[in-house]
N, C-alpha and C. Protein backbone atom coordinates (compact mmCIF):
# COMPACT_ATOMS: atom_id res chain seq x y z
N MET A 1 0.82 -1.20 0.00
CA MET A 1 0.00 0.00 0.00
C MET A 1 0.87 1.26 0.00
N GLU A 2 1.96 1.20 0.74
CA GLU A 2 2.85 2.35 0.84
C GLU A 2 3.41 2.75 -0.52
N GLN A 3 3.77 1.76 -1.33
CA GLN A 3 4.30 2.06 -2.67
C GLN A 3 3.23 2.70 -3.54
N LEU A 4 2.00 2.22 -3.42
CA LEU A 4 0.89 2.78 -4.19
C LEU A 4 0.65 4.24 -3.82
N ILE A 5 0.71 4.54 -2.54
CA ILE A 5 0.53 5.92 -2.07
C ILE A 5 1.65 6.79 -2.65
N ARG A 6 2.86 6.31 -2.56
CA ARG A 6 4.00 7.09 -3.08
C ARG A 6 3.85 7.33 -4.57
N TYR A 7 3.47 6.29 -5.31
CA TYR A 7 3.28 6.42 -6.74
C TYR A 7 2.21 7.47 -7.06
N GLN A 8 1.08 7.40 -6.37
CA GLN A 8 -0.02 8.33 -6.62
C GLN A 8 0.39 9.77 -6.29
N VAL A 9 1.05 9.96 -5.16
CA VAL A 9 1.48 11.30 -4.75
C VAL A 9 2.49 11.86 -5.75
N GLU A 10 3.47 11.07 -6.12
CA GLU A 10 4.47 11.54 -7.07
C GLU A 10 3.84 11.84 -8.43
N ARG A 11 2.89 11.05 -8.82
CA ARG A 11 2.18 11.30 -10.09
C ARG A 11 1.45 12.64 -10.05
N MET A 12 0.78 12.91 -8.93
CA MET A 12 0.08 14.19 -8.77
C MET A 12 1.06 15.36 -8.85
N LEU A 13 2.21 15.22 -8.19
CA LEU A 13 3.20 16.29 -8.19
C LEU A 13 3.79 16.51 -9.57
N ARG A 14 4.03 15.44 -10.30
CA ARG A 14 4.56 15.59 -11.65
C ARG A 14 3.55 16.28 -12.56
N LYS A 15 2.28 15.97 -12.39
CA LYS A 15 1.23 16.62 -13.18
C LYS A 15 1.17 18.11 -12.86
N LYS A 16 1.27 18.45 -11.60
CA LYS A 16 1.24 19.85 -11.19
C LYS A 16 2.42 20.60 -11.77
N HIS A 17 3.56 19.95 -11.78
CA HIS A 17 4.79 20.58 -12.27
C HIS A 17 4.83 20.57 -13.79
N ARG A 18 3.97 19.76 -14.39
CA ARG A 18 3.90 19.58 -15.84
C ARG A 18 5.23 19.06 -16.41
N ASN A 19 5.86 18.21 -15.64
CA ASN A 19 7.12 17.61 -16.08
C ASN A 19 7.14 16.15 -15.63
N PRO A 20 6.74 15.23 -16.52
CA PRO A 20 6.71 13.82 -16.14
C PRO A 20 8.08 13.25 -15.78
N ALA A 21 9.15 13.93 -16.19
CA ALA A 21 10.49 13.44 -15.91
C ALA A 21 11.07 14.04 -14.62
N LEU A 22 10.29 14.82 -13.91
CA LEU A 22 10.74 15.44 -12.67
C LEU A 22 11.25 14.38 -11.71
N HIS A 23 12.47 14.54 -11.23
CA HIS A 23 13.05 13.59 -10.28
C HIS A 23 12.64 14.00 -8.87
N LEU A 24 11.86 13.14 -8.24
CA LEU A 24 11.39 13.42 -6.89
C LEU A 24 12.04 12.47 -5.90
N THR A 25 12.40 13.01 -4.77
CA THR A 25 12.90 12.22 -3.64
C THR A 25 12.07 12.61 -2.43
N PRO A 26 12.13 11.84 -1.36
CA PRO A 26 11.37 12.23 -0.16
C PRO A 26 11.74 13.62 0.37
N THR A 27 12.96 14.07 0.08
CA THR A 27 13.39 15.38 0.59
C THR A 27 13.13 16.51 -0.41
N SER A 28 12.56 16.19 -1.56
CA SER A 28 12.23 17.25 -2.52
C SER A 28 11.27 18.24 -1.89
N ARG A 29 11.60 19.52 -1.99
CA ARG A 29 10.77 20.56 -1.39
C ARG A 29 9.68 20.97 -2.37
N LEU A 30 8.46 21.07 -1.86
CA LEU A 30 7.31 21.32 -2.71
C LEU A 30 7.37 22.68 -3.38
N HIS A 31 7.77 23.70 -2.65
CA HIS A 31 7.82 25.05 -3.22
C HIS A 31 9.07 25.26 -4.06
N GLU A 32 10.22 24.99 -3.49
CA GLU A 32 11.49 25.31 -4.13
C GLU A 32 11.85 24.35 -5.26
N ASP A 33 11.69 23.03 -5.03
CA ASP A 33 12.13 22.04 -6.01
C ASP A 33 11.05 21.69 -7.03
N VAL A 34 9.82 21.53 -6.55
CA VAL A 34 8.71 21.16 -7.44
C VAL A 34 8.08 22.39 -8.07
N GLY A 35 8.14 23.52 -7.35
CA GLY A 35 7.62 24.76 -7.90
C GLY A 35 6.15 25.01 -7.63
N LEU A 36 5.62 24.40 -6.58
CA LEU A 36 4.20 24.60 -6.25
C LEU A 36 4.00 25.93 -5.54
N ASP A 37 2.94 26.63 -5.92
CA ASP A 37 2.56 27.85 -5.19
C ASP A 37 1.40 27.51 -4.26
N SER A 38 0.86 28.50 -3.59
CA SER A 38 -0.18 28.24 -2.60
C SER A 38 -1.45 27.66 -3.22
N ILE A 39 -1.80 28.09 -4.41
CA ILE A 39 -2.97 27.53 -5.08
C ILE A 39 -2.72 26.08 -5.47
N ASP A 40 -1.53 25.79 -5.95
CA ASP A 40 -1.16 24.40 -6.27
C ASP A 40 -1.26 23.51 -5.03
N MET A 41 -0.84 24.05 -3.90
CA MET A 41 -0.88 23.28 -2.65
C MET A 41 -2.33 22.94 -2.26
N VAL A 42 -3.21 23.92 -2.39
CA VAL A 42 -4.63 23.68 -2.07
C VAL A 42 -5.19 22.62 -3.01
N GLU A 43 -4.88 22.74 -4.29
CA GLU A 43 -5.35 21.75 -5.27
C GLU A 43 -4.78 20.38 -4.98
N LEU A 44 -3.53 20.31 -4.57
CA LEU A 44 -2.91 19.03 -4.23
C LEU A 44 -3.65 18.37 -3.07
N VAL A 45 -3.94 19.14 -2.03
CA VAL A 45 -4.64 18.59 -0.87
C VAL A 45 -6.04 18.11 -1.26
N ILE A 46 -6.74 18.88 -2.08
CA ILE A 46 -8.07 18.47 -2.54
C ILE A 46 -7.97 17.16 -3.32
N ASN A 47 -6.98 17.07 -4.20
CA ASN A 47 -6.79 15.84 -4.97
C ASN A 47 -6.45 14.65 -4.07
N LEU A 48 -5.62 14.88 -3.07
CA LEU A 48 -5.29 13.81 -2.12
C LEU A 48 -6.53 13.35 -1.37
N GLU A 49 -7.34 14.30 -0.94
CA GLU A 49 -8.57 13.96 -0.21
C GLU A 49 -9.50 13.11 -1.07
N HIS A 50 -9.64 13.49 -2.32
CA HIS A 50 -10.52 12.74 -3.22
C HIS A 50 -9.95 11.37 -3.56
N ARG A 51 -8.67 11.32 -3.84
CA ARG A 51 -8.03 10.07 -4.24
C ARG A 51 -8.04 9.03 -3.12
N PHE A 52 -7.75 9.48 -1.90
CA PHE A 52 -7.58 8.54 -0.79
C PHE A 52 -8.76 8.53 0.18
N HIS A 53 -9.80 9.32 -0.10
CA HIS A 53 -10.99 9.37 0.75
C HIS A 53 -10.63 9.72 2.20
N ILE A 54 -9.86 10.78 2.32
CA ILE A 54 -9.46 11.28 3.63
C ILE A 54 -9.80 12.76 3.71
N GLU A 55 -9.66 13.31 4.90
CA GLU A 55 -9.85 14.75 5.07
C GLU A 55 -8.61 15.32 5.76
N ILE A 56 -8.01 16.29 5.11
CA ILE A 56 -6.81 16.92 5.64
C ILE A 56 -7.20 18.32 6.10
N PRO A 57 -7.15 18.59 7.40
CA PRO A 57 -7.52 19.92 7.91
C PRO A 57 -6.62 21.02 7.34
N ASP A 58 -7.21 22.18 7.12
CA ASP A 58 -6.48 23.31 6.54
C ASP A 58 -5.17 23.64 7.25
N PRO A 59 -5.12 23.64 8.59
CA PRO A 59 -3.85 23.99 9.25
C PRO A 59 -2.70 23.05 8.87
N GLU A 60 -3.01 21.81 8.51
CA GLU A 60 -1.94 20.87 8.14
C GLU A 60 -1.29 21.23 6.82
N LEU A 61 -1.99 21.99 6.00
CA LEU A 61 -1.47 22.40 4.70
C LEU A 61 -0.14 23.14 4.87
N GLU A 62 -0.04 23.96 5.90
CA GLU A 62 1.17 24.74 6.14
C GLU A 62 2.36 23.87 6.52
N ASP A 63 2.10 22.66 7.02
CA ASP A 63 3.17 21.77 7.44
C ASP A 63 3.74 20.92 6.30
N LEU A 64 3.10 20.97 5.14
CA LEU A 64 3.54 20.17 4.00
C LEU A 64 4.62 20.92 3.25
N ARG A 65 5.86 20.53 3.50
CA ARG A 65 6.99 21.22 2.88
C ARG A 65 7.78 20.33 1.92
N THR A 66 7.75 19.02 2.17
CA THR A 66 8.51 18.08 1.33
C THR A 66 7.59 16.96 0.85
N VAL A 67 8.09 16.19 -0.09
CA VAL A 67 7.35 15.03 -0.56
C VAL A 67 7.08 14.08 0.61
N GLN A 68 8.06 13.89 1.48
CA GLN A 68 7.88 13.00 2.63
C GLN A 68 6.78 13.52 3.56
N ASP A 69 6.68 14.82 3.74
CA ASP A 69 5.61 15.39 4.56
C ASP A 69 4.24 15.00 4.00
N VAL A 70 4.11 15.05 2.68
CA VAL A 70 2.84 14.69 2.04
C VAL A 70 2.56 13.21 2.25
N LEU A 71 3.57 12.37 2.04
CA LEU A 71 3.40 10.93 2.24
C LEU A 71 3.01 10.61 3.68
N ASP A 72 3.67 11.24 4.63
CA ASP A 72 3.35 11.02 6.05
C ASP A 72 1.93 11.47 6.37
N CYS A 73 1.54 12.60 5.82
CA CYS A 73 0.20 13.14 6.06
C CYS A 73 -0.86 12.16 5.55
N VAL A 74 -0.69 11.69 4.34
CA VAL A 74 -1.65 10.73 3.77
C VAL A 74 -1.68 9.47 4.61
N ASP A 75 -0.51 8.97 4.98
CA ASP A 75 -0.41 7.74 5.78
C ASP A 75 -1.14 7.89 7.12
N ILE A 76 -0.94 9.02 7.78
CA ILE A 76 -1.60 9.25 9.07
C ILE A 76 -3.11 9.27 8.91
N HIS A 77 -3.59 9.97 7.91
CA HIS A 77 -5.04 10.08 7.73
C HIS A 77 -5.66 8.78 7.25
N LEU A 78 -4.92 8.00 6.48
CA LEU A 78 -5.43 6.68 6.08
C LEU A 78 -5.53 5.75 7.28
N SER A 79 -4.56 5.83 8.18
CA SER A 79 -4.61 4.97 9.37
C SER A 79 -5.76 5.37 10.29
N GLU A 80 -6.13 6.65 10.28
CA GLU A 80 -7.29 7.11 11.07
C GLU A 80 -8.58 6.54 10.50
N VAL A 81 -8.67 6.44 9.19
CA VAL A 81 -9.86 5.90 8.54
C VAL A 81 -10.03 4.42 8.89
N VAL A 82 -8.92 3.68 8.92
CA VAL A 82 -8.96 2.25 9.22
C VAL A 82 -9.35 2.01 10.66
N ASN A 83 -8.89 2.85 11.56
CA ASN A 83 -9.16 2.65 13.00
C ASN A 83 -10.47 3.17 13.40
């Protein structure tokens, strides 16, 4: 499941960046390396919520700085849904 989440998240980020060849690592920074602005971030969270059937509170949006932050956020909210 973890690999599927990573694949989906990276796919979303590549689409936002409009560069399918974008090299992403867990430490890739969303603003500086991927080039996401605040509107892109809101759209990313909405897409994550729809894709994974989770709800990410608005304050958590500010904590998403790297690819790993996004993966951790999705993982935490998915585990809440299961429990």
